[in-house]
Amino acid sequence: MAGAIGRTLLLQRGGTRLVGLRTKSWSFNGEPIDKTNDDDAGFRSLLTDAGTKSMDISFDGVAEDELIQDLVLSGGSLMLTDITLEWPLRSGDTVPASLAGNFFLTSFEQSGTYNDAITFSGSLQSSEEWTYTAAS
């Protein structure tokens, strides 16, 4: 991927950007299944498919409204449906690459210093299957 500006990596819910985000990061995790037996001559052997696949997203930003704070403190479900991570357009593409699915809000922290903006950070973990759409 050619260089891109970080602000063009978008984290959205229901097609709307999550407010005030400054940083977004994602990681893929694949848990292997060990199928090693006596015939492997002492070398580990793994199945070609992962046992568990998961996606984690972390973010932080400036609190411009109470949207996420209200979600956390309301006592309702922390399962966020319709989350999309969208990559920047590459040269020649008209549709960006995206990853969409349901994610559980696993952490949220809000802080503020005396003479600065209130900031927040949080993390999401995938729930069930996600859909990746390649850029075109």
Protein backbone atom coordinates (compact mmCIF):
# COMPACT_ATOMS: atom_id res chain seq x y z
CA MET A 1 0.00 0.00 0.00
CA ALA A 2 1.29 3.44 -0.88
CA GLY A 3 1.58 6.00 1.90
CA ALA A 4 -1.70 7.37 3.23
CA ILE A 5 -2.82 9.90 5.80
CA GLY A 6 -3.98 8.29 9.06
CA ARG A 7 -7.18 10.30 9.21
CA THR A 8 -8.39 8.51 6.09
CA LEU A 9 -8.50 5.16 7.95
CA LEU A 10 -12.12 5.41 9.10
CA LEU A 11 -13.92 3.66 11.95
CA GLN A 12 -17.67 3.88 11.46
CA ARG A 13 -20.87 2.58 13.01
CA GLY A 14 -23.89 2.36 10.74
CA GLY A 15 -22.11 4.43 8.07
CA THR A 16 -21.38 7.31 10.51
CA ARG A 17 -17.87 8.06 11.71
CA LEU A 18 -17.29 7.51 15.40
CA VAL A 19 -16.79 11.03 16.70
CA GLY A 20 -13.51 12.74 17.43
CA LEU A 21 -11.15 9.83 16.70
CA ARG A 22 -7.47 10.60 16.37
CA THR A 23 -5.99 7.12 16.13
CA LYS A 24 -7.31 3.76 14.99
CA SER A 25 -5.46 0.47 14.88
CA TRP A 26 -6.44 -3.10 14.16
CA SER A 27 -4.91 -6.52 14.62
CA PHE A 28 -5.79 -9.95 13.31
CA ASN A 29 -5.33 -13.03 15.45
CA GLY A 30 -5.42 -16.62 14.22
CA GLU A 31 -5.22 -19.40 16.78
CA PRO A 32 -3.62 -22.49 15.23
CA ILE A 33 -4.72 -26.07 15.81
CA ASP A 34 -1.85 -28.39 16.67
CA LYS A 35 -2.15 -31.79 14.93
CA THR A 36 1.35 -33.04 15.77
CA ASN A 37 1.69 -36.80 16.17
CA ASP A 38 4.42 -39.47 16.18
CA ASP A 39 4.67 -39.40 12.37
CA ASP A 40 5.89 -35.76 12.39
CA ALA A 41 9.44 -36.77 13.49
CA GLY A 42 9.42 -34.33 16.40
CA PHE A 43 8.36 -31.30 14.38
CA ARG A 44 5.17 -29.42 15.19
CA SER A 45 2.43 -29.77 12.57
CA LEU A 46 -0.52 -27.37 12.34
CA LEU A 47 -3.81 -27.59 10.47
CA THR A 48 -4.04 -25.16 7.57
CA ASP A 49 -7.18 -23.50 9.00
CA ALA A 50 -7.13 -21.52 12.22
CA GLY A 51 -9.20 -22.77 15.14
CA THR A 52 -10.28 -19.27 16.12
CA LYS A 53 -9.97 -16.07 14.09
CA SER A 54 -10.42 -12.74 15.81
CA MET A 55 -10.06 -9.06 15.02
CA ASP A 56 -9.25 -6.40 17.63
CA ILE A 57 -9.63 -2.66 17.07
CA SER A 58 -8.34 0.08 19.36
CA PHE A 59 -9.01 3.79 19.11
CA ASP A 60 -8.62 7.09 20.89
CA GLY A 61 -9.69 10.64 20.36
CA VAL A 62 -11.12 13.87 21.69
CA ALA A 63 -14.52 13.77 23.38
CA GLU A 64 -16.70 16.16 21.39
CA ASP A 65 -19.98 14.74 22.64
CA GLU A 66 -21.25 12.07 25.00
CA LEU A 67 -22.13 9.37 22.42
CA ILE A 68 -19.65 6.71 23.55
CA GLN A 69 -19.78 7.77 27.22
CA ASP A 70 -23.58 7.40 27.21
CA LEU A 71 -23.29 3.98 25.58
CA VAL A 72 -20.92 2.74 28.29
CA LEU A 73 -22.74 4.23 31.28
CA SER A 74 -26.32 3.44 30.18
CA GLY A 75 -26.02 -0.18 31.32
CA GLY A 76 -27.19 -1.50 27.94
CA SER A 77 -25.48 -3.97 25.66
CA LEU A 78 -21.88 -3.25 24.70
CA MET A 79 -22.27 -5.28 21.50
CA LEU A 80 -21.89 -2.78 18.67
CA THR A 81 -23.42 -3.93 15.42
CA ASP A 82 -22.62 -2.55 11.99
CA ILE A 83 -19.01 -1.50 12.70
CA THR A 84 -16.87 -0.81 9.62
CA LEU A 85 -13.15 -0.13 9.31
CA GLU A 86 -12.48 1.53 5.95
CA TRP A 87 -9.03 1.93 4.40
CA PRO A 88 -7.98 4.94 2.27
CA LEU A 89 -8.56 4.81 -1.47
CA ARG A 90 -5.55 3.72 -3.49
CA SER A 91 -4.64 5.20 -6.84
CA GLY A 92 -7.22 4.10 -9.41
CA ASP A 93 -9.71 2.70 -6.88
CA THR A 94 -13.24 4.04 -6.66
CA VAL A 95 -14.37 1.82 -3.76
CA PRO A 96 -12.18 1.54 -0.64
CA ALA A 97 -11.32 -1.71 1.10
CA SER A 98 -13.42 -2.31 4.21
CA LEU A 99 -13.95 -4.73 7.05
CA ALA A 100 -17.45 -4.94 8.56
CA GLY A 101 -18.97 -6.87 11.42
CA ASN A 102 -20.16 -6.88 15.00
CA PHE A 103 -17.75 -5.90 17.76
CA PHE A 104 -17.95 -5.91 21.55
CA LEU A 105 -16.72 -2.78 23.37
CA THR A 106 -14.21 -4.36 25.78
CA SER A 107 -12.72 -1.22 27.28
CA PHE A 108 -13.33 2.50 27.48
CA GLU A 109 -11.34 5.14 29.32
CA GLN A 110 -11.97 8.87 29.50
CA SER A 111 -9.58 11.42 30.98
CA GLY A 112 -8.96 15.13 31.11
CA THR A 113 -6.21 17.40 32.32
CA TYR A 114 -6.72 20.83 33.81
CA ASN A 115 -6.43 22.95 30.68
CA ASP A 116 -6.84 20.47 27.82
CA ALA A 117 -9.60 18.65 25.96
CA ILE A 118 -11.24 15.56 27.46
CA THR A 119 -9.88 12.51 25.66
CA PHE A 120 -10.96 8.89 25.46
CA SER A 121 -9.65 5.52 24.38
CA GLY A 122 -11.27 2.18 23.86
CA SER A 123 -11.03 -1.23 22.30
CA LEU A 124 -13.33 -3.55 20.38
CA GLN A 125 -13.21 -7.32 19.88
CA SER A 126 -14.88 -9.10 16.97
CA SER A 127 -17.94 -11.22 17.56
CA GLU A 128 -18.86 -13.81 14.96
CA GLU A 129 -17.77 -13.63 11.33
CA TRP A 130 -16.74 -10.40 9.67
CA THR A 131 -16.81 -9.44 6.00
CA TYR A 132 -13.79 -8.06 4.15
CA THR A 133 -14.35 -6.24 0.88
CA ALA A 134 -11.28 -5.58 -1.27
CA ALA A 135 -10.78 -2.19 -2.89
CA SER A 136 -11.79 -1.91 -6.52
